[in-house]
Protein backbone atom coordinates (compact mmCIF):
# COMPACT_ATOMS: atom_id res chain seq x y z
CA UNK A 1 -9.42 17.76 -35.10
CA UNK A 2 -11.98 16.87 -32.26
CA UNK A 3 -13.22 20.11 -30.40
CA UNK A 4 -14.63 19.75 -26.54
CA UNK A 5 -16.85 22.58 -25.95
CA UNK A 6 -17.10 22.91 -22.10
CA UNK A 7 -20.27 23.48 -20.32
CA UNK A 8 -20.36 27.26 -19.81
CA UNK A 9 -20.68 26.87 -23.78
CA UNK A 10 -23.96 26.31 -25.13
CA UNK A 11 -24.45 22.84 -27.31
CA UNK A 12 -26.40 24.82 -29.85
CA UNK A 13 -22.65 26.63 -30.68
CA UNK A 14 -21.75 22.90 -31.93
CA UNK A 15 -23.85 23.27 -35.11
CA UNK A 16 -22.36 26.73 -35.96
CA UNK A 17 -18.93 25.39 -35.95
CA UNK A 18 -19.29 22.41 -38.54
CA UNK A 19 -18.37 23.97 -41.42
CA UNK A 20 -15.00 24.95 -40.16
CA UNK A 21 -14.27 22.12 -37.78
CA UNK A 22 -15.35 18.68 -38.50
CA UNK A 23 -16.02 17.11 -34.80
CA UNK A 24 -17.09 19.57 -32.61
CA UNK A 25 -19.55 17.97 -29.05
CA UNK A 26 -20.31 19.40 -26.14
CA UNK A 27 -19.91 18.45 -22.51
CA UNK A 28 -23.89 17.37 -22.35
CA UNK A 29 -23.42 15.54 -25.56
CA UNK A 30 -20.91 13.34 -24.21
CA UNK A 31 -23.04 12.66 -20.64
CA UNK A 32 -20.54 14.98 -19.17
CA UNK A 33 -22.58 18.10 -17.72
CA UNK A 34 -21.93 17.16 -14.21
CA UNK A 35 -18.12 15.93 -14.51
CA UNK A 36 -15.82 17.88 -12.69
CA UNK A 37 -13.40 20.38 -14.37
CA UNK A 38 -10.79 17.27 -14.02
CA UNK A 39 -12.92 14.74 -15.45
CA UNK A 40 -13.01 16.98 -18.37
CA UNK A 41 -9.96 17.22 -18.76
CA UNK A 42 -9.25 13.63 -18.44
CA UNK A 43 -11.59 12.86 -21.17
CA UNK A 44 -10.45 15.52 -23.66
CA UNK A 45 -6.73 13.69 -22.80
CA UNK A 46 -8.13 9.92 -23.63
CA UNK A 47 -10.08 10.96 -26.35
CA UNK A 48 -7.67 13.54 -28.05
CA UNK A 49 -10.19 16.61 -27.68
CA UNK A 50 -8.68 20.46 -27.58
CA UNK A 51 -11.10 21.87 -24.64
CA UNK A 52 -12.55 25.09 -25.84
CA UNK A 53 -13.80 26.97 -22.45
CA UNK A 54 -14.77 30.43 -20.66
CA UNK A 55 -13.03 28.87 -17.41
CA UNK A 56 -9.75 29.59 -16.14
CA UNK A 57 -9.40 26.31 -14.21
CA UNK A 58 -8.58 24.54 -17.47
CA UNK A 59 -5.60 26.71 -17.74
CA UNK A 60 -4.58 26.21 -14.07
CA UNK A 61 -4.82 22.52 -15.23
CA UNK A 62 -2.72 23.07 -18.59
CA UNK A 63 0.14 24.99 -16.33
CA UNK A 64 -0.02 22.29 -13.94
CA UNK A 65 -0.44 18.87 -15.97
CA UNK A 66 0.92 20.54 -19.42
CA UNK A 67 -0.71 19.25 -22.74
CA UNK A 68 -2.40 17.67 -24.06
CA UNK A 69 -5.28 18.38 -24.08
CA UNK A 70 -4.55 21.73 -25.26
CA UNK A 71 -7.29 24.82 -24.48
CA UNK A 72 -8.59 27.47 -26.51
CA UNK A 73 -9.64 30.22 -23.50
CA UNK A 74 -12.04 32.33 -24.28
CA UNK A 75 -11.59 35.92 -22.88
CA UNK A 76 -14.23 37.90 -24.31
CA UNK A 77 -16.86 37.93 -21.63
CA UNK A 78 -20.63 35.94 -21.80
CA UNK A 79 -22.06 36.36 -24.87
CA UNK A 80 -24.47 35.04 -27.21
CA UNK A 81 -23.95 31.53 -28.99
CA UNK A 82 -23.83 33.24 -32.53
CA UNK A 83 -21.05 35.52 -31.39
CA UNK A 84 -19.33 32.52 -29.57
CA UNK A 85 -19.51 30.83 -32.82
CA UNK A 86 -18.22 33.89 -35.27
CA UNK A 87 -15.60 34.71 -32.70
CA UNK A 88 -14.32 30.86 -32.91
CA UNK A 89 -14.94 31.09 -36.90
CA UNK A 90 -12.87 34.10 -37.39
CA UNK A 91 -10.02 32.39 -36.06
CA UNK A 92 -10.58 28.96 -37.05
CA UNK A 93 -7.22 29.19 -39.00
CA UNK A 94 -5.40 30.27 -35.79
CA UNK A 95 -7.17 27.57 -33.72
CA UNK A 96 -6.46 24.71 -36.33
CA UNK A 97 -2.67 26.15 -35.95
CA UNK A 98 -2.31 25.71 -32.72
CA UNK A 99 -3.93 22.23 -32.33
CA UNK A 100 -1.89 20.74 -34.86
CA UNK A 101 1.44 22.46 -34.14
CA UNK A 102 3.10 19.16 -31.78
CA UNK A 103 6.44 21.54 -31.55
CA UNK A 104 4.61 24.84 -29.45
CA UNK A 105 5.40 24.32 -25.89
CA UNK A 106 2.41 26.34 -25.25
CA UNK A 107 -0.51 24.40 -23.84
CA UNK A 108 -3.37 27.01 -24.28
CA UNK A 109 -4.52 29.82 -26.68
CA UNK A 110 -6.19 33.03 -25.65
CA UNK A 111 -8.96 34.30 -27.98
CA UNK A 112 -10.03 37.57 -26.74
């Protein structure tokens, strides 16, 4: 299970998630800091990543292009790294189920 954190989530969050998500990267780690949302989308598609983001533009892409990649849309506003990590960890089972479910017609999951 590959997780890609968008640029609006600090790269420092990745280490906080490793206990529940084995392969977590942030765009900075993949030299995608200056990439457009579409370029990040394509990278995620080509490399089997699920994107976790605060950016609604990825929801627009999901509605336009479908899945993959799947999108986890964080809807709880700007937060500390620890709060973001705790929110993702407390919803890890939901996120993992969403990612692994190939029968879903839903391309994104909202976490608030």
